[in-house]
Amino acid sequence: MQALFRPLALACALSACSGPRATADDCGAIFDRIVELELHEMGYRDPVLAERRRVELRRALAPELQRCVGRRLAPTARACVREARTAEDLTHRCLR
């Protein structure tokens, strides 16, 4: 579970590049993708359990998600987040 906190912290510290500002939907999509990738890497294969865990984490980390809103995104960040294959790839390549 600790592994989920580190990528989220990085995601919420989006770089100050000159792209558009992150909306609540952008931040939610980034969070959901990180959780999806992390849970997959941790071996969660049951979609019902994975969804339950995502909802729990979203509730627990709501303040961090809120801090993400308004931060700058790289122009290619949205597509990069969708295409990322690992949480590390997402946080190190897409959100820098």
PDB file of N, CA and C in Angstrom:
ATOM      1  N   MET A   1       0.823  -1.196   0.000  1.00  0.00           N
ATOM      2  CA  MET A   1       0.000   0.000   0.000  1.00  0.00           C
ATOM      3  C   MET A   1       0.866   1.260   0.000  1.00  0.00           C
ATOM      4  N   GLN A   2       1.994   1.231   0.694  1.00  0.00           N
ATOM      5  CA  GLN A   2       2.879   2.389   0.703  1.00  0.00           C
ATOM      6  C   GLN A   2       3.300   2.770  -0.714  1.00  0.00           C
ATOM      7  N   ALA A   3       3.420   1.774  -1.580  1.00  0.00           N
ATOM      8  CA  ALA A   3       3.827   2.052  -2.954  1.00  0.00           C
ATOM      9  C   ALA A   3       2.840   2.972  -3.653  1.00  0.00           C
ATOM     10  N   LEU A   4       1.591   2.973  -3.237  1.00  0.00           N
ATOM     11  CA  LEU A   4       0.596   3.835  -3.855  1.00  0.00           C
ATOM     12  C   LEU A   4       0.766   5.289  -3.460  1.00  0.00           C
ATOM     13  N   PHE A   5       1.304   5.542  -2.292  1.00  0.00           N
ATOM     14  CA  PHE A   5       1.434   6.919  -1.825  1.00  0.00           C
ATOM     15  C   PHE A   5       2.547   7.669  -2.548  1.00  0.00           C
ATOM     16  N   ARG A   6       3.657   7.011  -2.804  1.00  0.00           N
ATOM     17  CA  ARG A   6       4.774   7.689  -3.462  1.00  0.00           C
ATOM     18  C   ARG A   6       4.428   8.181  -4.859  1.00  0.00           C
ATOM     19  N   PRO A   7       3.858   7.344  -5.736  1.00  0.00           N
ATOM     20  CA  PRO A   7       3.494   7.860  -7.061  1.00  0.00           C
ATOM     21  C   PRO A   7       2.447   8.951  -7.007  1.00  0.00           C
ATOM     22  N   LEU A   8       1.503   8.838  -6.085  1.00  0.00           N
ATOM     23  CA  LEU A   8       0.485   9.880  -5.986  1.00  0.00           C
ATOM     24  C   LEU A   8       1.122  11.199  -5.576  1.00  0.00           C
ATOM     25  N   ALA A   9       2.055  11.157  -4.644  1.00  0.00           N
ATOM     26  CA  ALA A   9       2.736  12.379  -4.233  1.00  0.00           C
ATOM     27  C   ALA A   9       3.462  13.001  -5.420  1.00  0.00           C
ATOM     28  N   LEU A  10       4.083  12.175  -6.218  1.00  0.00           N
ATOM     29  CA  LEU A  10       4.762  12.687  -7.406  1.00  0.00           C
ATOM     30  C   LEU A  10       3.756  13.244  -8.407  1.00  0.00           C
ATOM     31  N   ALA A  11       2.655  12.552  -8.576  1.00  0.00           N
ATOM     32  CA  ALA A  11       1.644  13.024  -9.523  1.00  0.00           C
ATOM     33  C   ALA A  11       1.080  14.357  -9.098  1.00  0.00           C
ATOM     34  N   CYS A  12       0.921  14.547  -7.809  1.00  0.00           N
ATOM     35  CA  CYS A  12       0.361  15.802  -7.311  1.00  0.00           C
ATOM     36  C   CYS A  12       1.382  16.931  -7.330  1.00  0.00           C
ATOM     37  N   ALA A  13       2.621  16.596  -7.531  1.00  0.00           N
ATOM     38  CA  ALA A  13       3.659  17.612  -7.639  1.00  0.00           C
ATOM     39  C   ALA A  13       3.993  17.827  -9.109  1.00  0.00           C
ATOM     40  N   LEU A  14       2.966  17.970  -9.913  1.00  0.00           N
ATOM     41  CA  LEU A  14       3.156  18.135 -11.348  1.00  0.00           C
ATOM     42  C   LEU A  14       4.125  19.278 -11.625  1.00  0.00           C
ATOM     43  N   SER A  15       4.905  19.097 -12.645  1.00  0.00           N
ATOM     44  CA  SER A  15       5.925  20.096 -12.947  1.00  0.00           C
ATOM     45  C   SER A  15       5.310  21.423 -13.373  1.00  0.00           C
ATOM     46  N   ALA A  16       6.105  22.446 -13.270  1.00  0.00           N
ATOM     47  CA  ALA A  16       5.637  23.800 -13.601  1.00  0.00           C
ATOM     48  C   ALA A  16       5.916  24.115 -15.060  1.00  0.00           C
ATOM     49  N   CYS A  17       5.569  23.220 -15.951  1.00  0.00           N
ATOM     50  CA  CYS A  17       5.786  23.472 -17.368  1.00  0.00           C
ATOM     51  C   CYS A  17       4.690  24.397 -17.898  1.00  0.00           C
ATOM     52  N   SER A  18       4.776  24.714 -19.145  1.00  0.00           N
ATOM     53  CA  SER A  18       3.891  25.741 -19.696  1.00  0.00           C
ATOM     54  C   SER A  18       2.609  25.190 -20.289  1.00  0.00           C
ATOM     55  N   GLY A  19       2.225  23.993 -19.936  1.00  0.00           N
ATOM     56  CA  GLY A  19       1.019  23.398 -20.489  1.00  0.00           C
ATOM     57  C   GLY A  19      -0.231  23.871 -19.765  1.00  0.00           C
ATOM     58  N   PRO A  20      -1.347  23.223 -20.085  1.00  0.00           N
ATOM     59  CA  PRO A  20      -2.617  23.598 -19.458  1.00  0.00           C
ATOM     60  C   PRO A  20      -2.635  23.246 -17.971  1.00  0.00           C
ATOM     61  N   ARG A  21      -3.549  23.868 -17.253  1.00  0.00           N
ATOM     62  CA  ARG A  21      -3.704  23.561 -15.827  1.00  0.00           C
ATOM     63  C   ARG A  21      -4.561  22.300 -15.681  1.00  0.00           C
ATOM     64  N   ALA A  22      -4.211  21.483 -14.697  1.00  0.00           N
ATOM     65  CA  ALA A  22      -4.938  20.244 -14.436  1.00  0.00           C
ATOM     66  C   ALA A  22      -6.313  20.546 -13.858  1.00  0.00           C
ATOM     67  N   THR A  23      -7.309  19.890 -14.405  1.00  0.00           N
ATOM     68  CA  THR A  23      -8.670  19.997 -13.881  1.00  0.00           C
ATOM     69  C   THR A  23      -8.875  18.873 -12.857  1.00  0.00           C
ATOM     70  N   ALA A  24      -9.997  18.922 -12.152  1.00  0.00           N
ATOM     71  CA  ALA A  24     -10.325  17.839 -11.222  1.00  0.00           C
ATOM     72  C   ALA A  24     -10.424  16.514 -11.985  1.00  0.00           C
ATOM     73  N   ASP A  25     -10.952  16.554 -13.208  1.00  0.00           N
ATOM     74  CA  ASP A  25     -11.040  15.334 -14.025  1.00  0.00           C
ATOM     75  C   ASP A  25      -9.655  14.819 -14.405  1.00  0.00           C
ATOM     76  N   ASP A  26      -8.740  15.730 -14.753  1.00  0.00           N
ATOM     77  CA  ASP A  26      -7.364  15.328 -15.072  1.00  0.00           C
ATOM     78  C   ASP A  26      -6.719  14.641 -13.865  1.00  0.00           C
ATOM     79  N   CYS A  27      -6.850  15.262 -12.711  1.00  0.00           N
ATOM     80  CA  CYS A  27      -6.240  14.715 -11.497  1.00  0.00           C
ATOM     81  C   CYS A  27      -6.845  13.367 -11.140  1.00  0.00           C
ATOM     82  N   GLY A  28      -8.161  13.252 -11.303  1.00  0.00           N
ATOM     83  CA  GLY A  28      -8.816  11.976 -11.046  1.00  0.00           C
ATOM     84  C   GLY A  28      -8.351  10.892 -12.007  1.00  0.00           C
ATOM     85  N   ALA A  29      -8.179  11.252 -13.268  1.00  0.00           N
ATOM     86  CA  ALA A  29      -7.711  10.280 -14.270  1.00  0.00           C
ATOM     87  C   ALA A  29      -6.280   9.845 -13.980  1.00  0.00           C
ATOM     88  N   ILE A  30      -5.435  10.790 -13.581  1.00  0.00           N
ATOM     89  CA  ILE A  30      -4.056  10.456 -13.222  1.00  0.00           C
ATOM     90  C   ILE A  30      -4.055   9.514 -12.020  1.00  0.00           C
ATOM     91  N   PHE A  31      -4.816   9.872 -11.004  1.00  0.00           N
ATOM     92  CA  PHE A  31      -4.905   9.047  -9.801  1.00  0.00           C
ATOM     93  C   PHE A  31      -5.409   7.648 -10.139  1.00  0.00           C
ATOM     94  N   ASP A  32      -6.507   7.580 -10.885  1.00  0.00           N
ATOM     95  CA  ASP A  32      -7.084   6.280 -11.234  1.00  0.00           C
ATOM     96  C   ASP A  32      -6.096   5.421 -12.018  1.00  0.00           C
ATOM     97  N   ARG A  33      -5.362   6.028 -12.919  1.00  0.00           N
ATOM     98  CA  ARG A  33      -4.386   5.260 -13.717  1.00  0.00           C
ATOM     99  C   ARG A  33      -3.243   4.775 -12.840  1.00  0.00           C
ATOM    100  N   ILE A  34      -2.757   5.611 -11.934  1.00  0.00           N
ATOM    101  CA  ILE A  34      -1.697   5.179 -11.021  1.00  0.00           C
ATOM    102  C   ILE A  34      -2.187   4.007 -10.179  1.00  0.00           C
ATOM    103  N   VAL A  35      -3.378   4.133  -9.623  1.00  0.00           N
ATOM    104  CA  VAL A  35      -3.930   3.059  -8.795  1.00  0.00           C
ATOM    105  C   VAL A  35      -4.097   1.791  -9.624  1.00  0.00           C
ATOM    106  N   GLU A  36      -4.635   1.923 -10.820  1.00  0.00           N
ATOM    107  CA  GLU A  36      -4.813   0.761 -11.692  1.00  0.00           C
ATOM    108  C   GLU A  36      -3.488   0.047 -11.945  1.00  0.00           C
ATOM    109  N   LEU A  37      -2.473   0.814 -12.295  1.00  0.00           N
ATOM    110  CA  LEU A  37      -1.161   0.232 -12.579  1.00  0.00           C
ATOM    111  C   LEU A  37      -0.539  -0.377 -11.325  1.00  0.00           C
ATOM    112  N   GLU A  38      -0.605   0.343 -10.212  1.00  0.00           N
ATOM    113  CA  GLU A  38      -0.034  -0.164  -8.958  1.00  0.00           C
ATOM    114  C   GLU A  38      -0.734  -1.445  -8.511  1.00  0.00           C
ATOM    115  N   LEU A  39      -2.056  -1.469  -8.563  1.00  0.00           N
ATOM    116  CA  LEU A  39      -2.781  -2.664  -8.140  1.00  0.00           C
ATOM    117  C   LEU A  39      -2.449  -3.849  -9.039  1.00  0.00           C
ATOM    118  N   HIS A  40      -2.335  -3.583 -10.309  1.00  0.00           N
ATOM    119  CA  HIS A  40      -1.954  -4.648 -11.244  1.00  0.00           C
ATOM    120  C   HIS A  40      -0.563  -5.185 -10.885  1.00  0.00           C
ATOM    121  N   GLU A  41       0.372  -4.276 -10.620  1.00  0.00           N
ATOM    122  CA  GLU A  41       1.731  -4.680 -10.262  1.00  0.00           C
ATOM    123  C   GLU A  41       1.761  -5.441  -8.935  1.00  0.00           C
ATOM    124  N   MET A  42       0.803  -5.151  -8.047  1.00  0.00           N
ATOM    125  CA  MET A  42       0.739  -5.818  -6.742  1.00  0.00           C
ATOM    126  C   MET A  42      -0.028  -7.133  -6.817  1.00  0.00           C
ATOM    127  N   GLY A  43      -0.588  -7.457  -7.970  1.00  0.00           N
ATOM    128  CA  GLY A  43      -1.251  -8.728  -8.141  1.00  0.00           C
ATOM    129  C   GLY A  43      -2.763  -8.721  -7.981  1.00  0.00           C
ATOM    130  N   TYR A  44      -3.374  -7.553  -7.873  1.00  0.00           N
ATOM    131  CA  TYR A  44      -4.841  -7.493  -7.805  1.00  0.00           C
ATOM    132  C   TYR A  44      -5.385  -7.835  -9.185  1.00  0.00           C
ATOM    133  N   ARG A  45      -6.032  -8.979  -9.299  1.00  0.00           N
ATOM    134  CA  ARG A  45      -6.587  -9.379 -10.591  1.00  0.00           C
ATOM    135  C   ARG A  45      -8.114  -9.366 -10.577  1.00  0.00           C
ATOM    136  N   ASP A  46      -8.701  -9.364  -9.389  1.00  0.00           N
ATOM    137  CA  ASP A  46     -10.152  -9.355  -9.254  1.00  0.00           C
ATOM    138  C   ASP A  46     -10.649  -7.924  -9.452  1.00  0.00           C
ATOM    139  N   PRO A  47     -11.420  -7.644 -10.504  1.00  0.00           N
ATOM    140  CA  PRO A  47     -11.857  -6.272 -10.765  1.00  0.00           C
ATOM    141  C   PRO A  47     -12.723  -5.682  -9.654  1.00  0.00           C
ATOM    142  N   VAL A  48     -13.488  -6.495  -8.969  1.00  0.00           N
ATOM    143  CA  VAL A  48     -14.333  -6.001  -7.882  1.00  0.00           C
ATOM    144  C   VAL A  48     -13.468  -5.547  -6.708  1.00  0.00           C
ATOM    145  N   LEU A  49     -12.491  -6.355  -6.326  1.00  0.00           N
ATOM    146  CA  LEU A  49     -11.588  -5.966  -5.243  1.00  0.00           C
ATOM    147  C   LEU A  49     -10.747  -4.753  -5.621  1.00  0.00           C
ATOM    148  N   ALA A  50     -10.292  -4.705  -6.869  1.00  0.00           N
ATOM    149  CA  ALA A  50      -9.490  -3.570  -7.325  1.00  0.00           C
ATOM    150  C   ALA A  50     -10.315  -2.286  -7.274  1.00  0.00           C
ATOM    151  N   GLU A  51     -11.563  -2.341  -7.696  1.00  0.00           N
ATOM    152  CA  GLU A  51     -12.424  -1.155  -7.656  1.00  0.00           C
ATOM    153  C   GLU A  51     -12.676  -0.722  -6.218  1.00  0.00           C
ATOM    154  N   ARG A  52     -12.914  -1.675  -5.342  1.00  0.00           N
ATOM    155  CA  ARG A  52     -13.117  -1.351  -3.925  1.00  0.00           C
ATOM    156  C   ARG A  52     -11.881  -0.648  -3.354  1.00  0.00           C
ATOM    157  N   ARG A  53     -10.716  -1.147  -3.686  1.00  0.00           N
ATOM    158  CA  ARG A  53      -9.460  -0.549  -3.204  1.00  0.00           C
ATOM    159  C   ARG A  53      -9.276   0.856  -3.770  1.00  0.00           C
ATOM    160  N   ARG A  54      -9.604   1.028  -5.056  1.00  0.00           N
ATOM    161  CA  ARG A  54      -9.480   2.355  -5.689  1.00  0.00           C
ATOM    162  C   ARG A  54     -10.375   3.359  -4.988  1.00  0.00           C
ATOM    163  N   VAL A  55     -11.612   2.967  -4.690  1.00  0.00           N
ATOM    164  CA  VAL A  55     -12.558   3.860  -4.010  1.00  0.00           C
ATOM    165  C   VAL A  55     -12.035   4.212  -2.618  1.00  0.00           C
ATOM    166  N   GLU A  56     -11.525   3.225  -1.891  1.00  0.00           N
ATOM    167  CA  GLU A  56     -10.969   3.477  -0.552  1.00  0.00           C
ATOM    168  C   GLU A  56      -9.804   4.462  -0.624  1.00  0.00           C
ATOM    169  N   LEU A  57      -8.916   4.245  -1.571  1.00  0.00           N
ATOM    170  CA  LEU A  57      -7.751   5.128  -1.706  1.00  0.00           C
ATOM    171  C   LEU A  57      -8.154   6.530  -2.134  1.00  0.00           C
ATOM    172  N   ARG A  58      -9.100   6.621  -3.037  1.00  0.00           N
ATOM    173  CA  ARG A  58      -9.559   7.947  -3.481  1.00  0.00           C
ATOM    174  C   ARG A  58     -10.122   8.737  -2.305  1.00  0.00           C
ATOM    175  N   ARG A  59     -10.879   8.069  -1.462  1.00  0.00           N
ATOM    176  CA  ARG A  59     -11.452   8.720  -0.279  1.00  0.00           C
ATOM    177  C   ARG A  59     -10.332   9.134   0.695  1.00  0.00           C
ATOM    178  N   ALA A  60      -9.416   8.223   0.946  1.00  0.00           N
ATOM    179  CA  ALA A  60      -8.334   8.490   1.900  1.00  0.00           C
ATOM    180  C   ALA A  60      -7.386   9.583   1.408  1.00  0.00           C
ATOM    181  N   LEU A  61      -7.206   9.666   0.104  1.00  0.00           N
ATOM    182  CA  LEU A  61      -6.231  10.619  -0.456  1.00  0.00           C
ATOM    183  C   LEU A  61      -6.888  11.827  -1.109  1.00  0.00           C
ATOM    184  N   ALA A  62      -8.124  12.088  -0.768  1.00  0.00           N
ATOM    185  CA  ALA A  62      -8.858  13.224  -1.352  1.00  0.00           C
ATOM    186  C   ALA A  62      -8.124  14.557  -1.196  1.00  0.00           C
ATOM    187  N   PRO A  63      -7.518  14.856  -0.043  1.00  0.00           N
ATOM    188  CA  PRO A  63      -6.801  16.137   0.069  1.00  0.00           C
ATOM    189  C   PRO A  63      -5.638  16.259  -0.928  1.00  0.00           C
ATOM    190  N   GLU A  64      -4.914  15.162  -1.158  1.00  0.00           N
ATOM    191  CA  GLU A  64      -3.813  15.192  -2.115  1.00  0.00           C
ATOM    192  C   GLU A  64      -4.341  15.392  -3.534  1.00  0.00           C
ATOM    193  N   LEU A  65      -5.455  14.756  -3.840  1.00  0.00           N
ATOM    194  CA  LEU A  65      -6.070  14.947  -5.154  1.00  0.00           C
ATOM    195  C   LEU A  65      -6.466  16.404  -5.354  1.00  0.00           C
ATOM    196  N   GLN A  66      -7.007  17.016  -4.332  1.00  0.00           N
ATOM    197  CA  GLN A  66      -7.440  18.413  -4.422  1.00  0.00           C
ATOM    198  C   GLN A  66      -6.250  19.341  -4.685  1.00  0.00           C
ATOM    199  N   ARG A  67      -5.098  19.029  -4.110  1.00  0.00           N
ATOM    200  CA  ARG A  67      -3.903  19.861  -4.324  1.00  0.00           C
ATOM    201  C   ARG A  67      -3.374  19.757  -5.749  1.00  0.00           C
ATOM    202  N   CYS A  68      -3.742  18.712  -6.438  1.00  0.00           N
ATOM    203  CA  CYS A  68      -3.309  18.526  -7.827  1.00  0.00           C
ATOM    204  C   CYS A  68      -4.008  19.518  -8.760  1.00  0.00           C
ATOM    205  N   VAL A  69      -5.251  19.856  -8.463  1.00  0.00           N
ATOM    206  CA  VAL A  69      -6.058  20.715  -9.338  1.00  0.00           C
ATOM    207  C   VAL A  69      -5.381  22.077  -9.499  1.00  0.00           C
ATOM    208  N   GLY A  70      -5.244  22.508 -10.742  1.00  0.00           N
ATOM    209  CA  GLY A  70      -4.659  23.809 -11.033  1.00  0.00           C
ATOM    210  C   GLY A  70      -3.175  23.773 -11.346  1.00  0.00           C
ATOM    211  N   ARG A  71      -2.528  22.654 -11.095  1.00  0.00           N
ATOM    212  CA  ARG A  71      -1.104  22.538 -11.421  1.00  0.00           C
ATOM    213  C   ARG A  71      -0.945  22.415 -12.933  1.00  0.00           C
ATOM    214  N   ARG A  72       0.209  22.789 -13.418  1.00  0.00           N
ATOM    215  CA  ARG A  72       0.471  22.720 -14.858  1.00  0.00           C
ATOM    216  C   ARG A  72       0.753  21.293 -15.300  1.00  0.00           C
ATOM    217  N   LEU A  73       0.238  20.946 -16.460  1.00  0.00           N
ATOM    218  CA  LEU A  73       0.504  19.661 -17.099  1.00  0.00           C
ATOM    219  C   LEU A  73       1.354  19.894 -18.340  1.00  0.00           C
ATOM    220  N   ALA A  74       2.205  18.951 -18.633  1.00  0.00           N
ATOM    221  CA  ALA A  74       2.919  19.003 -19.909  1.00  0.00           C
ATOM    222  C   ALA A  74       1.876  18.847 -21.018  1.00  0.00           C
ATOM    223  N   PRO A  75       2.089  19.443 -22.165  1.00  0.00           N
ATOM    224  CA  PRO A  75       1.118  19.337 -23.252  1.00  0.00           C
ATOM    225  C   PRO A  75       0.785  17.890 -23.636  1.00  0.00           C
ATOM    226  N   THR A  76       1.715  16.976 -23.453  1.00  0.00           N
ATOM    227  CA  THR A  76       1.505  15.574 -23.830  1.00  0.00           C
ATOM    228  C   THR A  76       1.113  14.690 -22.646  1.00  0.00           C
ATOM    229  N   ALA A  77       0.895  15.269 -21.478  1.00  0.00           N
ATOM    230  CA  ALA A  77       0.678  14.487 -20.256  1.00  0.00           C
ATOM    231  C   ALA A  77      -0.564  13.601 -20.324  1.00  0.00           C
ATOM    232  N   ARG A  78      -1.652  14.107 -20.825  1.00  0.00           N
ATOM    233  CA  ARG A  78      -2.895  13.315 -20.835  1.00  0.00           C
ATOM    234  C   ARG A  78      -2.726  12.030 -21.643  1.00  0.00           C
ATOM    235  N   ALA A  79      -2.173  12.135 -22.828  1.00  0.00           N
ATOM    236  CA  ALA A  79      -1.953  10.948 -23.666  1.00  0.00           C
ATOM    237  C   ALA A  79      -0.926  10.023 -23.020  1.00  0.00           C
ATOM    238  N   CYS A  80       0.093  10.585 -22.457  1.00  0.00           N
ATOM    239  CA  CYS A  80       1.139   9.800 -21.811  1.00  0.00           C
ATOM    240  C   CYS A  80       0.572   8.994 -20.645  1.00  0.00           C
ATOM    241  N   VAL A  81      -0.293   9.598 -19.849  1.00  0.00           N
ATOM    242  CA  VAL A  81      -0.911   8.908 -18.707  1.00  0.00           C
ATOM    243  C   VAL A  81      -1.716   7.712 -19.204  1.00  0.00           C
ATOM    244  N   ARG A  82      -2.473   7.899 -20.259  1.00  0.00           N
ATOM    245  CA  ARG A  82      -3.283   6.801 -20.804  1.00  0.00           C
ATOM    246  C   ARG A  82      -2.419   5.653 -21.321  1.00  0.00           C
ATOM    247  N   GLU A  83      -1.262   5.978 -21.868  1.00  0.00           N
ATOM    248  CA  GLU A  83      -0.407   4.972 -22.500  1.00  0.00           C
ATOM    249  C   GLU A  83       0.617   4.350 -21.564  1.00  0.00           C
ATOM    250  N   ALA A  84       0.817   4.897 -20.383  1.00  0.00           N
ATOM    251  CA  ALA A  84       1.826   4.391 -19.450  1.00  0.00           C
ATOM    252  C   ALA A  84       1.569   2.933 -19.121  1.00  0.00           C
ATOM    253  N   ARG A  85       2.626   2.167 -19.010  1.00  0.00           N
ATOM    254  CA  ARG A  85       2.511   0.740 -18.711  1.00  0.00           C
ATOM    255  C   ARG A  85       2.854   0.409 -17.261  1.00  0.00           C
ATOM    256  N   THR A  86       3.514   1.334 -16.554  1.00  0.00           N
ATOM    257  CA  THR A  86       3.817   1.147 -15.136  1.00  0.00           C
ATOM    258  C   THR A  86       3.592   2.475 -14.416  1.00  0.00           C
ATOM    259  N   ALA A  87       3.353   2.399 -13.113  1.00  0.00           N
ATOM    260  CA  ALA A  87       3.180   3.618 -12.324  1.00  0.00           C
ATOM    261  C   ALA A  87       4.458   4.440 -12.336  1.00  0.00           C
ATOM    262  N   GLU A  88       5.592   3.769 -12.298  1.00  0.00           N
ATOM    263  CA  GLU A  88       6.864   4.488 -12.328  1.00  0.00           C
ATOM    264  C   GLU A  88       7.038   5.237 -13.654  1.00  0.00           C
ATOM    265  N   ASP A  89       6.693   4.588 -14.748  1.00  0.00           N
ATOM    266  CA  ASP A  89       6.759   5.231 -16.058  1.00  0.00           C
ATOM    267  C   ASP A  89       5.862   6.464 -16.082  1.00  0.00           C
ATOM    268  N   LEU A  90       4.647   6.314 -15.552  1.00  0.00           N
ATOM    269  CA  LEU A  90       3.704   7.420 -15.532  1.00  0.00           C
ATOM    270  C   LEU A  90       4.272   8.606 -14.751  1.00  0.00           C
ATOM    271  N   THR A  91       4.738   8.356 -13.543  1.00  0.00           N
ATOM    272  CA  THR A  91       5.188   9.463 -12.709  1.00  0.00           C
ATOM    273  C   THR A  91       6.510  10.058 -13.177  1.00  0.00           C
ATOM    274  N   HIS A  92       7.398   9.246 -13.728  1.00  0.00           N
ATOM    275  CA  HIS A  92       8.709   9.765 -14.125  1.00  0.00           C
ATOM    276  C   HIS A  92       8.742  10.338 -15.537  1.00  0.00           C
ATOM    277  N   ARG A  93       7.891   9.834 -16.417  1.00  0.00           N
ATOM    278  CA  ARG A  93       7.920  10.306 -17.800  1.00  0.00           C
ATOM    279  C   ARG A  93       6.793  11.267 -18.105  1.00  0.00           C
ATOM    280  N   CYS A  94       5.597  10.970 -17.632  1.00  0.00           N
ATOM    281  CA  CYS A  94       4.423  11.747 -18.012  1.00  0.00           C
ATOM    282  C   CYS A  94       4.257  13.039 -17.215  1.00  0.00           C
ATOM    283  N   LEU A  95       4.703  13.036 -15.971  1.00  0.00           N
ATOM    284  CA  LEU A  95       4.422  14.166 -15.089  1.00  0.00           C
ATOM    285  C   LEU A  95       5.651  15.002 -14.760  1.00  0.00           C
ATOM    286  N   ARG A  96       6.661  14.889 -15.545  1.00  0.00           N
ATOM    287  CA  ARG A  96       7.879  15.688 -15.319  1.00  0.00           C
ATOM    288  C   ARG A  96       7.911  16.861 -16.247  1.00  0.00           C
TER     289      ARG A  96
END
